[in-house]
Amino acid sequence: EGKESLSKEFFKKHHLKTRILKSKEDEDLIAKWIDEGMKSGE
């Protein structure tokens, strides 16, 4: 928390697109997909 702008600056400097998620619900959903991907491969 509070380091988002520093990180966003770093990615912008290296021409990388960023998207910051703050919703706990979205974080949980992405974590679920990662877990599913680790098991199923996709």
ModelCIF file with pLDDT and N, C-alpha, C, O atoms, coordinates in Angstrom:
data_MODEL
#
_entry.id   MODEL 
#
_entity.id                         1 
_entity.type                       polymer 
_entity.pdbx_number_of_molecules   1 
#
_entity_poly.entity_id                      1 
_entity_poly.type                           'polypeptide(L)' 
_entity_poly.nstd_linkage                   no 
_entity_poly.nstd_monomer                   no 
_entity_poly.pdbx_seq_one_letter_code       EGKESLSKEFFKKHHLKTRILKSKEDEDLIAKWIDEGMKSGE 
_entity_poly.pdbx_seq_one_letter_code_can   EGKESLSKEFFKKHHLKTRILKSKEDEDLIAKWIDEGMKSGE 
_entity_poly.pdbx_strand_id                 A 
#
loop_
_entity_poly_seq.entity_id 
_entity_poly_seq.num 
_entity_poly_seq.mon_id 
_entity_poly_seq.hetero 
1 1  GLU n 
1 2  GLY n 
1 3  LYS n 
1 4  GLU n 
1 5  SER n 
1 6  LEU n 
1 7  SER n 
1 8  LYS n 
1 9  GLU n 
1 10 PHE n 
1 11 PHE n 
1 12 LYS n 
1 13 LYS n 
1 14 HIS n 
1 15 HIS n 
1 16 LEU n 
1 17 LYS n 
1 18 THR n 
1 19 ARG n 
1 20 ILE n 
1 21 LEU n 
1 22 LYS n 
1 23 SER n 
1 24 LYS n 
1 25 GLU n 
1 26 ASP n 
1 27 GLU n 
1 28 ASP n 
1 29 LEU n 
1 30 ILE n 
1 31 ALA n 
1 32 LYS n 
1 33 TRP n 
1 34 ILE n 
1 35 ASP n 
1 36 GLU n 
1 37 GLY n 
1 38 MET n 
1 39 LYS n 
1 40 SER n 
1 41 GLY n 
1 42 GLU n 
#
_struct_asym.id          A 
_struct_asym.entity_id   1 
#
loop_
_ma_qa_metric.id 
_ma_qa_metric.mode 
_ma_qa_metric.name 
_ma_qa_metric.software_group_id 
_ma_qa_metric.type 
1 global pLDDT . pLDDT 
2 local  pLDDT . pLDDT 
#
_ma_qa_metric_global.metric_id      1 
_ma_qa_metric_global.metric_value   77.29 
_ma_qa_metric_global.model_id       1 
_ma_qa_metric_global.ordinal_id     1 
#
loop_
_ma_qa_metric_local.label_asym_id 
_ma_qa_metric_local.label_comp_id 
_ma_qa_metric_local.label_seq_id 
_ma_qa_metric_local.metric_id 
_ma_qa_metric_local.metric_value 
_ma_qa_metric_local.model_id 
_ma_qa_metric_local.ordinal_id 
A GLU 1  2 80.00 1 1  
A GLY 2  2 83.00 1 2  
A LYS 3  2 82.00 1 3  
A GLU 4  2 81.00 1 4  
A SER 5  2 83.00 1 5  
A LEU 6  2 83.00 1 6  
A SER 7  2 82.00 1 7  
A LYS 8  2 82.00 1 8  
A GLU 9  2 87.00 1 9  
A PHE 10 2 87.00 1 10 
A PHE 11 2 84.00 1 11 
A LYS 12 2 87.00 1 12 
A LYS 13 2 89.00 1 13 
A HIS 14 2 88.00 1 14 
A HIS 15 2 87.00 1 15 
A LEU 16 2 84.00 1 16 
A LYS 17 2 80.00 1 17 
A THR 18 2 78.00 1 18 
A ARG 19 2 71.00 1 19 
A ILE 20 2 72.00 1 20 
A LEU 21 2 70.00 1 21 
A LYS 22 2 69.00 1 22 
A SER 23 2 68.00 1 23 
A LYS 24 2 70.00 1 24 
A GLU 25 2 66.00 1 25 
A ASP 26 2 74.00 1 26 
A GLU 27 2 75.00 1 27 
A ASP 28 2 80.00 1 28 
A LEU 29 2 76.00 1 29 
A ILE 30 2 78.00 1 30 
A ALA 31 2 80.00 1 31 
A LYS 32 2 80.00 1 32 
A TRP 33 2 74.00 1 33 
A ILE 34 2 77.00 1 34 
A ASP 35 2 78.00 1 35 
A GLU 36 2 74.00 1 36 
A GLY 37 2 70.00 1 37 
A MET 38 2 72.00 1 38 
A LYS 39 2 73.00 1 39 
A SER 40 2 66.00 1 40 
A GLY 41 2 60.00 1 41 
A GLU 42 2 66.00 1 42 
#
loop_
_atom_site.group_PDB 
_atom_site.id 
_atom_site.type_symbol 
_atom_site.label_atom_id 
_atom_site.label_alt_id 
_atom_site.label_comp_id 
_atom_site.label_asym_id 
_atom_site.label_entity_id 
_atom_site.label_seq_id 
_atom_site.pdbx_PDB_ins_code 
_atom_site.Cartn_x 
_atom_site.Cartn_y 
_atom_site.Cartn_z 
_atom_site.occupancy 
_atom_site.B_iso_or_equiv 
_atom_site.pdbx_formal_charge 
_atom_site.auth_seq_id 
_atom_site.auth_comp_id 
_atom_site.auth_asym_id 
_atom_site.auth_atom_id 
_atom_site.pdbx_PDB_model_num 
ATOM 1   N N  . GLU A 1 1  ? 0.837   -1.197  0.000   1.00 80.00 ? 1  GLU A N  1 
ATOM 2   C CA . GLU A 1 1  ? 0.000   0.000   0.000   1.00 80.00 ? 1  GLU A CA 1 
ATOM 3   C C  . GLU A 1 1  ? 0.877   1.254   0.000   1.00 80.00 ? 1  GLU A C  1 
ATOM 4   O O  . GLU A 1 1  ? 1.830   1.350   0.773   1.00 80.00 ? 1  GLU A O  1 
ATOM 5   N N  . GLY A 1 2  ? 0.554   2.201   -0.858  1.00 83.00 ? 2  GLY A N  1 
ATOM 6   C CA . GLY A 1 2  ? 1.287   3.454   -0.918  1.00 83.00 ? 2  GLY A CA 1 
ATOM 7   C C  . GLY A 1 2  ? 2.473   3.449   -1.880  1.00 83.00 ? 2  GLY A C  1 
ATOM 8   O O  . GLY A 1 2  ? 3.058   4.502   -2.133  1.00 83.00 ? 2  GLY A O  1 
ATOM 9   N N  . LYS A 1 3  ? 2.836   2.294   -2.418  1.00 82.00 ? 3  LYS A N  1 
ATOM 10  C CA . LYS A 1 3  ? 3.971   2.199   -3.332  1.00 82.00 ? 3  LYS A CA 1 
ATOM 11  C C  . LYS A 1 3  ? 3.520   2.090   -4.795  1.00 82.00 ? 3  LYS A C  1 
ATOM 12  O O  . LYS A 1 3  ? 4.347   1.892   -5.686  1.00 82.00 ? 3  LYS A O  1 
ATOM 13  N N  . GLU A 1 4  ? 2.201   2.219   -5.043  1.00 81.00 ? 4  GLU A N  1 
ATOM 14  C CA . GLU A 1 4  ? 1.686   2.048   -6.389  1.00 81.00 ? 4  GLU A CA 1 
ATOM 15  C C  . GLU A 1 4  ? 2.292   3.033   -7.378  1.00 81.00 ? 4  GLU A C  1 
ATOM 16  O O  . GLU A 1 4  ? 2.663   2.645   -8.486  1.00 81.00 ? 4  GLU A O  1 
ATOM 17  N N  . SER A 1 5  ? 2.397   4.308   -6.992  1.00 83.00 ? 5  SER A N  1 
ATOM 18  C CA . SER A 1 5  ? 2.892   5.309   -7.928  1.00 83.00 ? 5  SER A CA 1 
ATOM 19  C C  . SER A 1 5  ? 4.357   5.068   -8.297  1.00 83.00 ? 5  SER A C  1 
ATOM 20  O O  . SER A 1 5  ? 4.742   5.263   -9.449  1.00 83.00 ? 5  SER A O  1 
ATOM 21  N N  . LEU A 1 6  ? 5.168   4.651   -7.341  1.00 83.00 ? 6  LEU A N  1 
ATOM 22  C CA . LEU A 1 6  ? 6.568   4.349   -7.612  1.00 83.00 ? 6  LEU A CA 1 
ATOM 23  C C  . LEU A 1 6  ? 6.674   3.189   -8.602  1.00 83.00 ? 6  LEU A C  1 
ATOM 24  O O  . LEU A 1 6  ? 7.456   3.240   -9.552  1.00 83.00 ? 6  LEU A O  1 
ATOM 25  N N  . SER A 1 7  ? 5.891   2.161   -8.372  1.00 82.00 ? 7  SER A N  1 
ATOM 26  C CA . SER A 1 7  ? 5.907   1.000   -9.258  1.00 82.00 ? 7  SER A CA 1 
ATOM 27  C C  . SER A 1 7  ? 5.406   1.371   -10.644 1.00 82.00 ? 7  SER A C  1 
ATOM 28  O O  . SER A 1 7  ? 5.969   0.941   -11.651 1.00 82.00 ? 7  SER A O  1 
ATOM 29  N N  . LYS A 1 8  ? 4.344   2.172   -10.695 1.00 82.00 ? 8  LYS A N  1 
ATOM 30  C CA . LYS A 1 8  ? 3.790   2.593   -11.982 1.00 82.00 ? 8  LYS A CA 1 
ATOM 31  C C  . LYS A 1 8  ? 4.810   3.417   -12.763 1.00 82.00 ? 8  LYS A C  1 
ATOM 32  O O  . LYS A 1 8  ? 4.920   3.270   -13.980 1.00 82.00 ? 8  LYS A O  1 
ATOM 33  N N  . GLU A 1 9  ? 5.555   4.281   -12.079 1.00 87.00 ? 9  GLU A N  1 
ATOM 34  C CA . GLU A 1 9  ? 6.620   5.064   -12.729 1.00 87.00 ? 9  GLU A CA 1 
ATOM 35  C C  . GLU A 1 9  ? 7.675   4.151   -13.336 1.00 87.00 ? 9  GLU A C  1 
ATOM 36  O O  . GLU A 1 9  ? 8.112   4.363   -14.467 1.00 87.00 ? 9  GLU A O  1 
ATOM 37  N N  . PHE A 1 10 ? 8.081   3.135   -12.581 1.00 87.00 ? 10 PHE A N  1 
ATOM 38  C CA . PHE A 1 10 ? 9.092   2.191   -13.056 1.00 87.00 ? 10 PHE A CA 1 
ATOM 39  C C  . PHE A 1 10 ? 8.626   1.504   -14.337 1.00 87.00 ? 10 PHE A C  1 
ATOM 40  O O  . PHE A 1 10 ? 9.370   1.440   -15.316 1.00 87.00 ? 10 PHE A O  1 
ATOM 41  N N  . PHE A 1 11 ? 7.391   0.988   -14.332 1.00 84.00 ? 11 PHE A N  1 
ATOM 42  C CA . PHE A 1 11 ? 6.880   0.293   -15.509 1.00 84.00 ? 11 PHE A CA 1 
ATOM 43  C C  . PHE A 1 11 ? 6.728   1.248   -16.691 1.00 84.00 ? 11 PHE A C  1 
ATOM 44  O O  . PHE A 1 11 ? 7.016   0.877   -17.829 1.00 84.00 ? 11 PHE A O  1 
ATOM 45  N N  . LYS A 1 12 ? 6.276   2.478   -16.429 1.00 87.00 ? 12 LYS A N  1 
ATOM 46  C CA . LYS A 1 12 ? 6.113   3.465   -17.503 1.00 87.00 ? 12 LYS A CA 1 
ATOM 47  C C  . LYS A 1 12 ? 7.465   3.793   -18.127 1.00 87.00 ? 12 LYS A C  1 
ATOM 48  O O  . LYS A 1 12 ? 7.574   3.906   -19.348 1.00 87.00 ? 12 LYS A O  1 
ATOM 49  N N  . LYS A 1 13 ? 8.494   3.947   -17.297 1.00 89.00 ? 13 LYS A N  1 
ATOM 50  C CA . LYS A 1 13 ? 9.836   4.246   -17.778 1.00 89.00 ? 13 LYS A CA 1 
ATOM 51  C C  . LYS A 1 13 ? 10.342  3.168   -18.734 1.00 89.00 ? 13 LYS A C  1 
ATOM 52  O O  . LYS A 1 13 ? 11.096  3.451   -19.665 1.00 89.00 ? 13 LYS A O  1 
ATOM 53  N N  . HIS A 1 14 ? 9.918   1.930   -18.490 1.00 88.00 ? 14 HIS A N  1 
ATOM 54  C CA . HIS A 1 14 ? 10.351  0.806   -19.324 1.00 88.00 ? 14 HIS A CA 1 
ATOM 55  C C  . HIS A 1 14 ? 9.307   0.440   -20.377 1.00 88.00 ? 14 HIS A C  1 
ATOM 56  O O  . HIS A 1 14 ? 9.350   -0.642  -20.962 1.00 88.00 ? 14 HIS A O  1 
ATOM 57  N N  . HIS A 1 15 ? 8.360   1.368   -20.609 1.00 87.00 ? 15 HIS A N  1 
ATOM 58  C CA . HIS A 1 15 ? 7.338   1.225   -21.650 1.00 87.00 ? 15 HIS A CA 1 
ATOM 59  C C  . HIS A 1 15 ? 6.496   -0.033  -21.478 1.00 87.00 ? 15 HIS A C  1 
ATOM 60  O O  . HIS A 1 15 ? 6.206   -0.727  -22.453 1.00 87.00 ? 15 HIS A O  1 
ATOM 61  N N  . LEU A 1 16 ? 6.104   -0.330  -20.241 1.00 84.00 ? 16 LEU A N  1 
ATOM 62  C CA . LEU A 1 16 ? 5.272   -1.474  -19.936 1.00 84.00 ? 16 LEU A CA 1 
ATOM 63  C C  . LEU A 1 16 ? 3.905   -0.980  -19.473 1.00 84.00 ? 16 LEU A C  1 
ATOM 64  O O  . LEU A 1 16 ? 3.815   -0.030  -18.695 1.00 84.00 ? 16 LEU A O  1 
ATOM 65  N N  . LYS A 1 17 ? 2.851   -1.619  -19.948 1.00 80.00 ? 17 LYS A N  1 
ATOM 66  C CA . LYS A 1 17 ? 1.495   -1.233  -19.578 1.00 80.00 ? 17 LYS A CA 1 
ATOM 67  C C  . LYS A 1 17 ? 1.184   -1.769  -18.185 1.00 80.00 ? 17 LYS A C  1 
ATOM 68  O O  . LYS A 1 17 ? 1.516   -2.910  -17.864 1.00 80.00 ? 17 LYS A O  1 
ATOM 69  N N  . THR A 1 18 ? 0.553   -0.950  -17.367 1.00 78.00 ? 18 THR A N  1 
ATOM 70  C CA . THR A 1 18 ? 0.201   -1.374  -16.011 1.00 78.00 ? 18 THR A CA 1 
ATOM 71  C C  . THR A 1 18 ? -1.297  -1.261  -15.780 1.00 78.00 ? 18 THR A C  1 
ATOM 72  O O  . THR A 1 18 ? -1.988  -0.482  -16.438 1.00 78.00 ? 18 THR A O  1 
ATOM 73  N N  . ARG A 1 19 ? -1.770  -2.033  -14.858 1.00 71.00 ? 19 ARG A N  1 
ATOM 74  C CA . ARG A 1 19 ? -3.150  -1.930  -14.389 1.00 71.00 ? 19 ARG A CA 1 
ATOM 75  C C  . ARG A 1 19 ? -3.098  -2.293  -12.911 1.00 71.00 ? 19 ARG A C  1 
ATOM 76  O O  . ARG A 1 19 ? -2.620  -3.365  -12.543 1.00 71.00 ? 19 ARG A O  1 
ATOM 77  N N  . ILE A 1 20 ? -3.591  -1.397  -12.073 1.00 72.00 ? 20 ILE A N  1 
ATOM 78  C CA . ILE A 1 20 ? -3.550  -1.631  -10.632 1.00 72.00 ? 20 ILE A CA 1 
ATOM 79  C C  . ILE A 1 20 ? -4.939  -2.033  -10.162 1.00 72.00 ? 20 ILE A C  1 
ATOM 80  O O  . ILE A 1 20 ? -5.907  -1.294  -10.343 1.00 72.00 ? 20 ILE A O  1 
ATOM 81  N N  . LEU A 1 21 ? -5.026  -3.203  -9.563  1.00 70.00 ? 21 LEU A N  1 
ATOM 82  C CA . LEU A 1 21 ? -6.287  -3.693  -9.010  1.00 70.00 ? 21 LEU A CA 1 
ATOM 83  C C  . LEU A 1 21 ? -6.274  -3.456  -7.510  1.00 70.00 ? 21 LEU A C  1 
ATOM 84  O O  . LEU A 1 21 ? -5.303  -3.785  -6.829  1.00 70.00 ? 21 LEU A O  1 
ATOM 85  N N  . LYS A 1 22 ? -7.348  -2.889  -7.005  1.00 69.00 ? 22 LYS A N  1 
ATOM 86  C CA . LYS A 1 22 ? -7.418  -2.632  -5.575  1.00 69.00 ? 22 LYS A CA 1 
ATOM 87  C C  . LYS A 1 22 ? -8.515  -3.434  -4.894  1.00 69.00 ? 22 LYS A C  1 
ATOM 88  O O  . LYS A 1 22 ? -8.540  -3.546  -3.669  1.00 69.00 ? 22 LYS A O  1 
ATOM 89  N N  . SER A 1 23 ? -9.398  -3.975  -5.667  1.00 68.00 ? 23 SER A N  1 
ATOM 90  C CA . SER A 1 23 ? -10.520 -4.706  -5.098  1.00 68.00 ? 23 SER A CA 1 
ATOM 91  C C  . SER A 1 23 ? -10.071 -6.079  -4.616  1.00 68.00 ? 23 SER A C  1 
ATOM 92  O O  . SER A 1 23 ? -9.504  -6.859  -5.382  1.00 68.00 ? 23 SER A O  1 
ATOM 93  N N  . LYS A 1 24 ? -10.321 -6.366  -3.369  1.00 70.00 ? 24 LYS A N  1 
ATOM 94  C CA . LYS A 1 24 ? -9.962  -7.657  -2.784  1.00 70.00 ? 24 LYS A CA 1 
ATOM 95  C C  . LYS A 1 24 ? -10.631 -8.796  -3.554  1.00 70.00 ? 24 LYS A C  1 
ATOM 96  O O  . LYS A 1 24 ? -10.052 -9.869  -3.722  1.00 70.00 ? 24 LYS A O  1 
ATOM 97  N N  . GLU A 1 25 ? -11.844 -8.552  -4.013  1.00 66.00 ? 25 GLU A N  1 
ATOM 98  C CA . GLU A 1 25 ? -12.579 -9.558  -4.764  1.00 66.00 ? 25 GLU A CA 1 
ATOM 99  C C  . GLU A 1 25 ? -11.836 -9.937  -6.050  1.00 66.00 ? 25 GLU A C  1 
ATOM 100 O O  . GLU A 1 25 ? -11.732 -11.120 -6.374  1.00 66.00 ? 25 GLU A O  1 
ATOM 101 N N  . ASP A 1 26 ? -11.324 -8.954  -6.778  1.00 74.00 ? 26 ASP A N  1 
ATOM 102 C CA . ASP A 1 26 ? -10.599 -9.230  -8.019  1.00 74.00 ? 26 ASP A CA 1 
ATOM 103 C C  . ASP A 1 26 ? -9.298  -9.960  -7.738  1.00 74.00 ? 26 ASP A C  1 
ATOM 104 O O  . ASP A 1 26 ? -8.912  -10.854 -8.491  1.00 74.00 ? 26 ASP A O  1 
ATOM 105 N N  . GLU A 1 27 ? -8.625  -9.591  -6.671  1.00 75.00 ? 27 GLU A N  1 
ATOM 106 C CA . GLU A 1 27 ? -7.392  -10.283 -6.295  1.00 75.00 ? 27 GLU A CA 1 
ATOM 107 C C  . GLU A 1 27 ? -7.673  -11.747 -6.005  1.00 75.00 ? 27 GLU A C  1 
ATOM 108 O O  . GLU A 1 27 ? -6.906  -12.625 -6.401  1.00 75.00 ? 27 GLU A O  1 
ATOM 109 N N  . ASP A 1 28 ? -8.777  -12.008 -5.311  1.00 80.00 ? 28 ASP A N  1 
ATOM 110 C CA . ASP A 1 28 ? -9.152  -13.387 -4.996  1.00 80.00 ? 28 ASP A CA 1 
ATOM 111 C C  . ASP A 1 28 ? -9.462  -14.173 -6.267  1.00 80.00 ? 28 ASP A C  1 
ATOM 112 O O  . ASP A 1 28 ? -9.089  -15.340 -6.389  1.00 80.00 ? 28 ASP A O  1 
ATOM 113 N N  . LEU A 1 29 ? -10.145 -13.530 -7.207  1.00 76.00 ? 29 LEU A N  1 
ATOM 114 C CA . LEU A 1 29 ? -10.499 -14.185 -8.457  1.00 76.00 ? 29 LEU A CA 1 
ATOM 115 C C  . LEU A 1 29 ? -9.255  -14.532 -9.269  1.00 76.00 ? 29 LEU A C  1 
ATOM 116 O O  . LEU A 1 29 ? -9.150  -15.639 -9.797  1.00 76.00 ? 29 LEU A O  1 
ATOM 117 N N  . ILE A 1 30 ? -8.326  -13.610 -9.371  1.00 78.00 ? 30 ILE A N  1 
ATOM 118 C CA . ILE A 1 30 ? -7.090  -13.866 -10.107 1.00 78.00 ? 30 ILE A CA 1 
ATOM 119 C C  . ILE A 1 30 ? -6.285  -14.963 -9.417  1.00 78.00 ? 30 ILE A C  1 
ATOM 120 O O  . ILE A 1 30 ? -5.704  -15.817 -10.085 1.00 78.00 ? 30 ILE A O  1 
ATOM 121 N N  . ALA A 1 31 ? -6.247  -14.947 -8.097  1.00 80.00 ? 31 ALA A N  1 
ATOM 122 C CA . ALA A 1 31 ? -5.535  -16.000 -7.362  1.00 80.00 ? 31 ALA A CA 1 
ATOM 123 C C  . ALA A 1 31 ? -6.167  -17.361 -7.650  1.00 80.00 ? 31 ALA A C  1 
ATOM 124 O O  . ALA A 1 31 ? -5.459  -18.358 -7.795  1.00 80.00 ? 31 ALA A O  1 
ATOM 125 N N  . LYS A 1 32 ? -7.479  -17.401 -7.730  1.00 80.00 ? 32 LYS A N  1 
ATOM 126 C CA . LYS A 1 32 ? -8.181  -18.651 -8.046  1.00 80.00 ? 32 LYS A CA 1 
ATOM 127 C C  . LYS A 1 32 ? -7.777  -19.140 -9.431  1.00 80.00 ? 32 LYS A C  1 
ATOM 128 O O  . LYS A 1 32 ? -7.527  -20.331 -9.618  1.00 80.00 ? 32 LYS A O  1 
ATOM 129 N N  . TRP A 1 33 ? -7.711  -18.222 -10.412 1.00 74.00 ? 33 TRP A N  1 
ATOM 130 C CA . TRP A 1 33 ? -7.312  -18.605 -11.773 1.00 74.00 ? 33 TRP A CA 1 
ATOM 131 C C  . TRP A 1 33 ? -5.883  -19.115 -11.804 1.00 74.00 ? 33 TRP A C  1 
ATOM 132 O O  . TRP A 1 33 ? -5.575  -20.065 -12.523 1.00 74.00 ? 33 TRP A O  1 
ATOM 133 N N  . ILE A 1 34 ? -5.013  -18.491 -11.032 1.00 77.00 ? 34 ILE A N  1 
ATOM 134 C CA . ILE A 1 34 ? -3.621  -18.947 -10.976 1.00 77.00 ? 34 ILE A CA 1 
ATOM 135 C C  . ILE A 1 34 ? -3.570  -20.365 -10.429 1.00 77.00 ? 34 ILE A C  1 
ATOM 136 O O  . ILE A 1 34 ? -2.876  -21.223 -10.973 1.00 77.00 ? 34 ILE A O  1 
ATOM 137 N N  . ASP A 1 35 ? -4.310  -20.608 -9.346  1.00 78.00 ? 35 ASP A N  1 
ATOM 138 C CA . ASP A 1 35 ? -4.361  -21.957 -8.769  1.00 78.00 ? 35 ASP A CA 1 
ATOM 139 C C  . ASP A 1 35 ? -4.901  -22.965 -9.778  1.00 78.00 ? 35 ASP A C  1 
ATOM 140 O O  . ASP A 1 35 ? -4.359  -24.063 -9.907  1.00 78.00 ? 35 ASP A O  1 
ATOM 141 N N  . GLU A 1 36 ? -5.968  -22.599 -10.498 1.00 74.00 ? 36 GLU A N  1 
ATOM 142 C CA . GLU A 1 36 ? -6.537  -23.483 -11.508 1.00 74.00 ? 36 GLU A CA 1 
ATOM 143 C C  . GLU A 1 36 ? -5.525  -23.741 -12.627 1.00 74.00 ? 36 GLU A C  1 
ATOM 144 O O  . GLU A 1 36 ? -5.396  -24.864 -13.113 1.00 74.00 ? 36 GLU A O  1 
ATOM 145 N N  . GLY A 1 37 ? -4.817  -22.694 -13.025 1.00 70.00 ? 37 GLY A N  1 
ATOM 146 C CA . GLY A 1 37 ? -3.828  -22.828 -14.082 1.00 70.00 ? 37 GLY A CA 1 
ATOM 147 C C  . GLY A 1 37 ? -2.673  -23.720 -13.676 1.00 70.00 ? 37 GLY A C  1 
ATOM 148 O O  . GLY A 1 37 ? -2.131  -24.457 -14.500 1.00 70.00 ? 37 GLY A O  1 
ATOM 149 N N  . MET A 1 38 ? -2.301  -23.656 -12.421 1.00 72.00 ? 38 MET A N  1 
ATOM 150 C CA . MET A 1 38 ? -1.220  -24.505 -11.932 1.00 72.00 ? 38 MET A CA 1 
ATOM 151 C C  . MET A 1 38 ? -1.632  -25.976 -11.973 1.00 72.00 ? 38 MET A C  1 
ATOM 152 O O  . MET A 1 38 ? -0.795  -26.852 -12.187 1.00 72.00 ? 38 MET A O  1 
ATOM 153 N N  . LYS A 1 39 ? -2.916  -26.242 -11.767 1.00 73.00 ? 39 LYS A N  1 
ATOM 154 C CA . LYS A 1 39 ? -3.410  -27.619 -11.773 1.00 73.00 ? 39 LYS A CA 1 
ATOM 155 C C  . LYS A 1 39 ? -3.698  -28.109 -13.187 1.00 73.00 ? 39 LYS A C  1 
ATOM 156 O O  . LYS A 1 39 ? -3.305  -29.216 -13.557 1.00 73.00 ? 39 LYS A O  1 
ATOM 157 N N  . SER A 1 40 ? -4.394  -27.275 -13.987 1.00 66.00 ? 40 SER A N  1 
ATOM 158 C CA . SER A 1 40 ? -4.848  -27.720 -15.299 1.00 66.00 ? 40 SER A CA 1 
ATOM 159 C C  . SER A 1 40 ? -3.885  -27.348 -16.420 1.00 66.00 ? 40 SER A C  1 
ATOM 160 O O  . SER A 1 40 ? -3.935  -27.941 -17.498 1.00 66.00 ? 40 SER A O  1 
ATOM 161 N N  . GLY A 1 41 ? -3.022  -26.387 -16.182 1.00 60.00 ? 41 GLY A N  1 
ATOM 162 C CA . GLY A 1 41 ? -2.098  -25.970 -17.219 1.00 60.00 ? 41 GLY A CA 1 
ATOM 163 C C  . GLY A 1 41 ? -2.602  -24.807 -18.052 1.00 60.00 ? 41 GLY A C  1 
ATOM 164 O O  . GLY A 1 41 ? -1.832  -24.224 -18.815 1.00 60.00 ? 41 GLY A O  1 
ATOM 165 N N  . GLU A 1 42 ? -3.893  -24.450 -17.925 1.00 66.00 ? 42 GLU A N  1 
ATOM 166 C CA . GLU A 1 42 ? -4.368  -23.302 -18.685 1.00 66.00 ? 42 GLU A CA 1 
ATOM 167 C C  . GLU A 1 42 ? -5.547  -22.613 -18.017 1.00 66.00 ? 42 GLU A C  1 
ATOM 168 O O  . GLU A 1 42 ? -6.062  -21.624 -18.540 1.00 66.00 ? 42 GLU A O  1 
#
